[in-house]
Protein backbone atom coordinates (compact mmCIF):
# COMPACT_ATOMS: atom_id res chain seq x y z
CA UNK A 1 118.77 94.51 100.38
CA UNK A 2 115.47 95.43 102.12
CA UNK A 3 113.32 92.56 103.29
CA UNK A 4 110.01 91.82 101.59
CA UNK A 5 106.86 92.69 103.52
CA UNK A 6 104.41 89.78 103.23
CA UNK A 7 100.74 90.47 103.82
CA UNK A 8 97.70 88.19 103.83
CA UNK A 9 94.47 89.64 102.49
CA UNK A 10 92.07 87.37 104.35
CA UNK A 11 88.68 87.31 102.62
CA UNK A 12 86.68 85.89 105.54
CA UNK A 13 84.23 83.79 103.53
CA UNK A 14 84.39 80.65 101.41
CA UNK A 15 85.15 80.93 97.72
CA UNK A 16 82.14 80.85 95.36
CA UNK A 17 81.61 82.09 91.81
CA UNK A 18 79.85 85.08 93.36
CA UNK A 19 83.19 86.54 94.47
CA UNK A 20 85.19 85.65 91.37
CA UNK A 21 85.47 89.28 90.22
CA UNK A 22 86.27 90.44 93.76
CA UNK A 23 89.14 87.95 94.00
CA UNK A 24 90.44 89.08 90.60
CA UNK A 25 90.35 92.68 91.83
CA UNK A 26 92.37 91.73 94.91
CA UNK A 27 94.95 89.95 92.80
CA UNK A 28 95.16 93.09 90.69
CA UNK A 29 95.74 95.16 93.84
CA UNK A 30 98.48 92.72 94.90
CA UNK A 31 100.19 93.00 91.52
CA UNK A 32 100.02 96.79 91.58
CA UNK A 33 101.39 96.88 95.14
CA UNK A 34 104.36 94.76 94.16
CA UNK A 35 105.05 96.95 91.12
CA UNK A 36 104.67 100.26 92.99
CA UNK A 37 106.98 99.15 95.78
CA UNK A 38 109.53 97.53 93.47
CA UNK A 39 108.89 94.16 95.07
CA UNK A 40 109.00 95.42 98.67
CA UNK A 41 105.39 94.39 99.38
CA UNK A 42 103.82 91.09 98.42
CA UNK A 43 100.20 90.28 99.21
CA UNK A 44 98.54 86.87 99.04
CA UNK A 45 94.75 86.57 98.84
CA UNK A 46 93.26 83.82 101.01
CA UNK A 47 89.66 82.65 101.56
CA UNK A 48 88.22 80.37 104.24
CA UNK A 49 88.05 76.60 103.91
CA UNK A 50 84.72 76.52 105.74
CA UNK A 51 82.05 79.10 106.57
CA UNK A 52 79.46 81.20 104.80
CA UNK A 53 79.40 82.55 101.23
CA UNK A 54 79.11 86.13 102.48
CA UNK A 55 78.87 88.08 105.75
CA UNK A 56 75.69 90.11 106.10
CA UNK A 57 74.75 89.55 109.75
CA UNK A 58 76.14 88.99 113.22
CA UNK A 59 75.19 85.34 112.76
CA UNK A 60 77.43 85.06 109.68
CA UNK A 61 80.28 86.67 111.60
CA UNK A 62 80.06 84.14 114.42
CA UNK A 63 79.76 81.16 112.06
CA UNK A 64 82.96 82.23 110.30
CA UNK A 65 84.93 83.45 113.33
CA UNK A 66 86.67 80.12 114.21
CA UNK A 67 87.87 79.70 110.63
CA UNK A 68 89.06 83.32 110.48
CA UNK A 69 91.13 82.72 113.61
CA UNK A 70 92.63 79.56 112.11
CA UNK A 71 93.77 81.49 109.02
CA UNK A 72 95.19 84.37 111.07
CA UNK A 73 97.29 81.94 113.12
CA UNK A 74 98.32 80.15 109.91
CA UNK A 75 99.53 83.48 108.51
CA UNK A 76 101.75 84.15 111.53
CA UNK A 77 103.07 80.58 111.56
CA UNK A 78 103.98 80.89 107.87
CA UNK A 79 106.03 84.03 108.22
CA UNK A 80 103.61 86.73 107.10
CA UNK A 81 104.11 90.21 108.52
CA UNK A 82 100.46 91.29 108.76
CA UNK A 83 96.87 90.20 108.10
CA UNK A 84 94.10 92.33 106.66
CA UNK A 85 90.57 91.16 107.44
CA UNK A 86 88.81 91.88 104.16
CA UNK A 87 85.30 92.68 105.42
CA UNK A 88 83.74 95.94 106.60
CA UNK A 89 82.30 94.21 109.66
CA UNK A 90 85.81 93.57 111.05
CA UNK A 91 84.77 90.01 111.99
CA UNK A 92 86.87 88.35 114.71
CA UNK A 93 89.28 91.30 114.77
CA UNK A 94 89.67 91.41 118.57
CA UNK A 95 90.17 87.66 119.17
CA UNK A 96 92.53 87.53 116.18
CA UNK A 97 94.72 90.14 117.84
CA UNK A 98 94.70 88.11 121.06
CA UNK A 99 96.22 85.03 119.43
CA UNK A 100 99.03 86.53 117.28
CA UNK A 101 101.72 89.16 117.59
CA UNK A 102 101.74 90.31 113.95
CA UNK A 103 99.44 93.22 113.02
CA UNK A 104 95.83 92.29 112.28
CA UNK A 105 94.02 95.17 110.60
CA UNK A 106 90.29 95.69 110.04
CA UNK A 107 88.73 97.36 107.01
CA UNK A 108 86.10 99.35 108.94
CA UNK A 109 88.59 100.38 111.59
CA UNK A 110 91.10 101.63 109.01
CA UNK A 111 88.64 103.35 106.67
CA UNK A 112 86.62 105.20 109.28
CA UNK A 113 89.65 106.51 111.17
CA UNK A 114 91.09 107.65 107.83
CA UNK A 115 87.82 109.47 107.12
CA UNK A 116 88.08 111.35 110.41
CA UNK A 117 91.64 112.36 109.55
CA UNK A 118 90.91 113.74 106.09
CA UNK A 119 87.35 115.03 106.50
CA UNK A 120 86.17 114.95 110.10
CA UNK A 121 82.60 114.15 109.08
CA UNK A 122 81.72 111.22 106.85
CA UNK A 123 78.87 109.03 105.62
CA UNK A 124 78.88 105.28 105.00
CA UNK A 125 77.34 103.65 101.94
CA UNK A 126 75.74 100.55 103.43
CA UNK A 127 74.59 97.47 101.53
CA UNK A 128 71.55 96.17 103.47
CA UNK A 129 69.26 97.29 106.32
CA UNK A 130 70.37 94.38 108.51
CA UNK A 131 74.00 95.47 108.42
CA UNK A 132 73.33 99.03 109.62
CA UNK A 133 73.06 98.08 113.33
CA UNK A 134 76.36 96.20 113.05
CA UNK A 135 78.06 99.26 111.58
CA UNK A 136 76.67 101.57 114.26
CA UNK A 137 77.83 99.14 116.95
CA UNK A 138 81.37 99.18 115.56
CA UNK A 139 81.47 102.97 115.29
CA UNK A 140 80.28 103.27 118.89
CA UNK A 141 82.98 100.83 119.95
CA UNK A 142 85.62 102.79 118.02
CA UNK A 143 84.40 106.12 119.44
CA UNK A 144 83.51 107.52 116.02
CA UNK A 145 79.74 108.07 116.12
CA UNK A 146 80.22 111.81 116.57
CA UNK A 147 81.95 111.90 113.16
CA UNK A 148 79.18 110.02 111.36
CA UNK A 149 76.96 112.20 109.15
CA UNK A 150 74.69 109.39 107.94
CA UNK A 151 74.41 105.79 106.81
CA UNK A 152 72.94 105.48 103.32
CA UNK A 153 71.66 102.02 102.34
CA UNK A 154 71.64 100.91 98.68
CA UNK A 155 69.84 97.54 99.18
CA UNK A 156 72.29 95.31 97.29
CA UNK A 157 73.53 92.02 98.84
CA UNK A 158 77.27 91.33 98.85
CA UNK A 159 77.20 88.71 96.12
CA UNK A 160 75.17 90.96 93.80
CA UNK A 161 77.34 94.07 94.02
CA UNK A 162 79.30 93.19 90.88
CA UNK A 163 76.54 91.46 88.88
CA UNK A 164 75.49 94.78 87.36
CA UNK A 165 78.40 97.06 88.23
CA UNK A 166 77.10 100.14 86.39
CA UNK A 167 73.82 100.03 88.32
CA UNK A 168 75.66 99.53 91.62
CA UNK A 169 77.97 102.46 90.86
CA UNK A 170 74.92 104.61 90.12
CA UNK A 171 73.41 103.66 93.48
CA UNK A 172 76.67 104.47 95.25
CA UNK A 173 76.88 107.85 93.54
CA UNK A 174 73.26 108.75 94.27
CA UNK A 175 73.66 107.75 97.93
CA UNK A 176 76.89 109.76 98.15
CA UNK A 177 75.20 112.85 96.67
CA UNK A 178 72.40 112.53 99.22
CA UNK A 179 74.91 112.22 102.06
CA UNK A 180 76.75 115.30 100.85
CA UNK A 181 73.73 117.51 100.09
CA UNK A 182 71.39 116.49 102.92
CA UNK A 183 73.77 115.50 105.72
CA UNK A 184 76.92 117.55 105.02
CA UNK A 185 79.19 114.54 104.62
CA UNK A 186 82.71 115.62 103.67
CA UNK A 187 83.91 112.09 102.85
CA UNK A 188 82.30 108.81 101.83
CA UNK A 189 83.27 105.42 103.22
CA UNK A 190 82.13 102.40 101.22
CA UNK A 191 80.45 100.05 103.68
CA UNK A 192 81.52 96.78 102.07
CA UNK A 193 84.86 95.61 100.74
CA UNK A 194 82.87 93.93 97.97
CA UNK A 195 82.63 97.40 96.41
CA UNK A 196 86.40 97.59 95.99
CA UNK A 197 86.35 97.35 92.19
CA UNK A 198 83.66 100.05 91.93
CA UNK A 199 85.24 102.84 93.99
CA UNK A 200 87.21 104.44 91.17
CA UNK A 201 84.20 104.68 88.85
CA UNK A 202 82.04 106.15 91.62
CA UNK A 203 84.70 108.74 92.50
CA UNK A 204 84.99 109.75 88.84
CA UNK A 205 81.23 110.31 88.54
CA UNK A 206 81.16 112.46 91.67
CA UNK A 207 83.94 114.64 90.30
CA UNK A 208 82.10 114.98 87.00
CA UNK A 209 79.26 116.50 89.00
CA UNK A 210 81.71 118.87 90.74
CA UNK A 211 81.35 117.14 94.10
CA UNK A 212 84.89 117.11 95.48
CA UNK A 213 84.60 114.72 98.39
CA UNK A 214 86.82 111.62 98.67
CA UNK A 215 85.48 108.09 98.49
CA UNK A 216 87.42 105.81 100.84
CA UNK A 217 87.59 102.19 99.77
CA UNK A 218 88.03 100.19 103.01
CA UNK A 219 90.12 97.31 101.70
CA UNK A 220 92.81 99.62 100.37
CA UNK A 221 92.65 101.67 103.57
CA UNK A 222 93.34 98.50 105.56
CA UNK A 223 96.12 97.28 103.27
CA UNK A 224 98.03 100.56 103.44
CA UNK A 225 97.46 100.74 107.20
CA UNK A 226 98.99 97.29 107.55
CA UNK A 227 101.98 98.29 105.42
CA UNK A 228 102.58 101.44 107.47
CA UNK A 229 102.42 99.47 110.75
CA UNK A 230 104.99 96.98 109.48
CA UNK A 231 107.29 99.73 108.21
CA UNK A 232 107.04 101.48 111.60
CA UNK A 233 107.70 98.27 113.49
CA UNK A 234 104.29 98.58 115.16
CA UNK A 235 101.63 96.07 116.10
CA UNK A 236 98.58 96.05 118.35
CA UNK A 237 99.21 96.39 122.09
CA UNK A 238 99.70 93.00 123.69
CA UNK A 239 98.43 94.52 126.95
CA UNK A 240 95.18 95.56 125.28
CA UNK A 241 94.91 92.21 123.49
CA UNK A 242 96.33 89.68 125.94
CA UNK A 243 96.87 86.06 124.97
CA UNK A 244 93.94 83.97 126.32
CA UNK A 245 94.70 82.07 129.50
CA UNK A 246 95.24 78.31 129.14
CA UNK A 247 92.15 76.29 130.06
CA UNK A 248 90.06 73.38 128.90
CA UNK A 249 88.20 74.32 125.71
CA UNK A 250 86.10 71.62 124.05
CA UNK A 251 85.06 72.27 120.44
CA UNK A 252 84.11 70.44 117.24
CA UNK A 253 86.87 72.23 115.33
CA UNK A 254 90.60 72.78 115.72
CA UNK A 255 91.47 75.74 117.93
CA UNK A 256 94.31 77.96 116.65
CA UNK A 257 96.05 78.02 120.04
């Protein structure tokens, strides 16, 4: 009997009513995964105990980083096979990989590399002006700027993406059409995992307008990347992400190691 692959979808913010629909969508993804794999893959959705209600800045990332690391270590200690960091900013991805041996997978990292594989040239649908520099920084770090056609900003905060889903989908579609027509984008990457429940509707509308470019939803890209790593017996290089050296570290919170 094959063993069950256990994955944590780590939503790196605290739970509020503003992410209720997003959490429901993730539970739906988990249920579908279990059904499609005949029980081979099980995914648990976890939020932070402390931190911010959303991540829309470098400041938010650093506030939440210690609590992200605590949850990542908790996942390894409790027998999970991989962790997906459910945020397009890939917050605390590098330090998380330093403190555990199980795969830790980022949404931006997974989605943008997938875009280069299937299209070569892609655009990102960004939520707010203040997150654009963070995205560009990550793409430079990942060596992907040469594949970026454009970043299109729709001016919708994370916690408002699903308040009026039809309007948000319309903004995503219009931004995608602009990226395709004006910047020759051959794929679209959604620049926030908070758009996860809207990707299918946006893709359908593009196809109705005879625009045959794929929309990559980053959470799903990260989940399936994590599954493939586990199935291949792969994880991040422990030489690239070495365990931090022991030393005195004084903090106001519990360190994961």
